[in-house]
Amino acid sequence: LITALYKKAIKLGTPRLLFSAHGIPLDRIEKGDPYESQVHVSVQKILKKLAFKDIDYVVCYQSKVGPLKWLEPATDEAIVEACKDGVIPIIVPIAFVSEHSETLVELDIEYHELAHENNAVGYFRVPTVRTHKAFINGLAELCLSC
C-alpha cells in the first residue's frame, strides 16, 4: 500500500513519508513506557521492506490532548514542514490498525486541509492494515506461540 502511493507521489515531486503514530504524554516515556521505541522499530522494519533507496521520512505523533508535553514532532507540524520543504507528504498511520476518527477525520480531513493551506503539491494517506491477510496471520501466529 505504501509503495503504490509512493509511486503516485513521486510523479508529482519528492515524497516524504510521515509515519504518524498516536501520541502519548512524554512523562510516560520518561517512566519507561517502550511505546516510542516500539514505533521506531516498526518504522525501521517497514523501511527495510520498501524497494526505494534514500527514503525521506519522519516519525511523528498526532492527537495531542491536554496541557502535558507529548511526544514530538506533532504530525501537523511535520506536514507544515514538508510543505515548506516542497515535498509531498505521504501519511502512514503506523500505530493504527483500523479506520476511525483519528484516521478518517484527523488525517483525511483536517491534515489534508492543512497541507492544502500550506500549498502542498500533493497529499496522500496510506490506509490502515485493517484485516489485511498478513496482519491477521501475524496476530494468529503470535496467539499460537503464547
Protein backbone atom coordinates (compact mmCIF):
# COMPACT_ATOMS: atom_id res chain seq x y z
CA LEU A 1 0.00 0.00 0.00
CA ILE A 2 2.84 2.40 0.81
CA THR A 3 4.67 1.53 -2.41
CA ALA A 4 1.64 2.27 -4.61
CA LEU A 5 1.12 5.72 -3.09
CA TYR A 6 4.86 6.44 -3.13
CA LYS A 7 4.91 5.74 -6.87
CA LYS A 8 1.96 8.12 -7.39
CA ALA A 9 3.57 10.84 -5.29
CA ILE A 10 6.96 10.58 -6.98
CA LYS A 11 5.29 11.54 -10.26
CA LEU A 12 4.43 14.91 -8.64
CA GLY A 13 7.76 15.54 -6.95
CA THR A 14 9.76 14.34 -3.97
CA PRO A 15 7.73 12.42 -1.38
CA ARG A 16 8.28 12.31 2.37
CA LEU A 17 6.78 9.50 4.40
CA LEU A 18 5.26 10.77 7.64
CA PHE A 19 4.81 7.78 9.93
CA SER A 20 2.07 9.12 12.19
CA ALA A 21 1.53 7.33 15.48
CA HIS A 22 -0.90 8.23 18.21
CA GLY A 23 0.92 10.48 20.64
CA ILE A 24 1.27 9.92 24.36
CA PRO A 25 2.44 12.23 27.12
CA LEU A 26 6.23 12.42 27.37
CA ASP A 27 6.19 11.62 31.07
CA ARG A 28 5.05 8.07 30.21
CA ILE A 29 8.17 7.57 28.10
CA GLU A 30 10.32 9.04 30.88
CA LYS A 31 8.78 6.48 33.28
CA GLY A 32 9.85 3.62 31.00
CA ASP A 33 6.98 3.08 28.56
CA PRO A 34 8.50 1.38 25.47
CA TYR A 35 5.90 2.80 23.05
CA GLU A 36 8.18 5.32 21.31
CA SER A 37 10.96 2.78 20.71
CA GLN A 38 8.42 0.21 19.51
CA VAL A 39 7.07 2.71 16.97
CA HIS A 40 10.62 3.40 15.72
CA VAL A 41 11.39 -0.33 15.43
CA SER A 42 8.21 -0.82 13.39
CA VAL A 43 9.13 2.08 11.09
CA GLN A 44 12.62 0.66 10.51
CA LYS A 45 11.18 -2.74 9.60
CA ILE A 46 8.80 -1.14 7.10
CA LEU A 47 11.58 0.94 5.56
CA LYS A 48 13.69 -2.20 5.05
CA LYS A 49 10.82 -3.80 3.12
CA LEU A 50 10.31 -0.87 0.76
CA ALA A 51 12.13 -1.01 -2.56
CA PHE A 52 13.14 2.65 -2.62
CA LYS A 53 16.57 3.99 -1.73
CA ASP A 54 17.18 7.04 0.44
CA ILE A 55 13.58 7.43 1.54
CA ASP A 56 12.85 10.76 3.20
CA TYR A 57 10.79 10.04 6.29
CA VAL A 58 9.78 11.40 9.69
CA VAL A 59 8.19 9.67 12.67
CA CYS A 60 5.57 11.99 14.12
CA TYR A 61 2.69 11.91 16.57
CA GLN A 62 -0.92 13.03 16.46
CA SER A 63 -3.97 13.50 18.67
CA LYS A 64 -2.44 15.54 21.49
CA VAL A 65 -4.96 16.44 24.17
CA GLY A 66 -4.42 18.50 27.30
CA PRO A 67 -1.60 20.58 28.73
CA LEU A 68 1.09 17.91 29.21
CA LYS A 69 4.16 17.75 26.96
CA TRP A 70 3.64 14.99 24.39
CA LEU A 71 5.91 13.09 22.03
CA GLU A 72 7.16 15.21 19.15
CA PRO A 73 7.20 16.20 16.41
CA ALA A 74 3.48 16.61 16.02
CA THR A 75 2.04 15.32 12.75
CA ASP A 76 0.50 18.69 11.89
CA GLU A 77 3.91 20.35 12.36
CA ALA A 78 5.56 17.66 10.21
CA ILE A 79 3.02 18.32 7.45
CA VAL A 80 3.68 22.07 7.52
CA GLU A 81 7.45 21.38 7.48
CA ALA A 82 7.05 19.05 4.48
CA CYS A 83 5.13 21.75 2.64
CA LYS A 84 7.82 24.34 3.46
CA ASP A 85 10.44 21.90 2.16
CA GLY A 86 8.48 21.46 -1.07
CA VAL A 87 7.98 17.73 -0.59
CA ILE A 88 4.79 15.70 -0.82
CA PRO A 89 3.53 14.28 2.48
CA ILE A 90 2.51 10.65 2.46
CA ILE A 91 0.89 9.88 5.79
CA VAL A 92 1.44 6.35 7.10
CA PRO A 93 -0.73 5.67 10.18
CA ILE A 94 1.87 3.49 11.88
CA ALA A 95 0.15 2.77 15.20
CA PHE A 96 -3.41 2.42 13.95
CA VAL A 97 -4.88 -0.89 12.78
CA SER A 98 -8.37 0.31 11.84
CA GLU A 99 -10.03 3.35 10.33
CA HIS A 100 -11.66 5.62 12.92
CA SER A 101 -11.93 9.31 13.85
CA GLU A 102 -8.16 9.81 14.08
CA THR A 103 -7.60 8.49 10.58
CA LEU A 104 -10.83 9.43 8.83
CA VAL A 105 -11.22 12.90 10.35
CA GLU A 106 -7.81 13.97 11.61
CA LEU A 107 -5.69 12.54 8.76
CA ASP A 108 -8.14 12.56 5.86
CA ILE A 109 -9.89 15.86 6.51
CA GLU A 110 -8.08 18.13 8.96
CA TYR A 111 -4.50 17.36 7.95
CA HIS A 112 -5.41 17.22 4.26
CA GLU A 113 -6.82 20.75 4.61
CA LEU A 114 -3.68 21.82 6.49
CA ALA A 115 -1.50 20.54 3.65
CA HIS A 116 -3.67 22.35 1.12
CA GLU A 117 -3.50 25.59 3.15
CA ASN A 118 0.30 25.26 3.12
CA ASN A 119 0.46 24.80 -0.67
CA ALA A 120 1.23 21.09 -0.76
CA VAL A 121 1.82 19.77 -4.26
CA GLY A 122 0.02 16.61 -3.19
CA TYR A 123 -1.20 14.77 -0.11
CA PHE A 124 -1.56 11.03 0.28
CA ARG A 125 -2.63 8.80 3.16
CA VAL A 126 -1.95 5.09 3.37
CA PRO A 127 -4.92 3.04 4.63
CA THR A 128 -4.62 1.21 7.96
CA VAL A 129 -3.90 -2.52 7.91
CA ARG A 130 -7.50 -3.40 8.90
CA THR A 131 -7.95 -7.07 8.01
CA HIS A 132 -5.01 -7.43 5.63
CA LYS A 133 -4.14 -11.11 5.40
CA ALA A 134 -0.52 -10.64 6.53
CA PHE A 135 -1.64 -8.68 9.60
CA ILE A 136 -4.24 -11.26 10.61
CA ASN A 137 -1.78 -14.12 10.04
CA GLY A 138 0.80 -12.31 12.18
CA LEU A 139 -1.72 -11.93 15.00
CA ALA A 140 -2.66 -15.59 14.72
CA GLU A 141 0.99 -16.65 14.87
CA LEU A 142 1.54 -14.52 17.97
CA CYS A 143 -1.51 -16.04 19.68
CA LEU A 144 -0.49 -19.59 18.81
CA SER A 145 3.08 -19.04 20.04
CA CYS A 146 1.97 -17.96 23.54
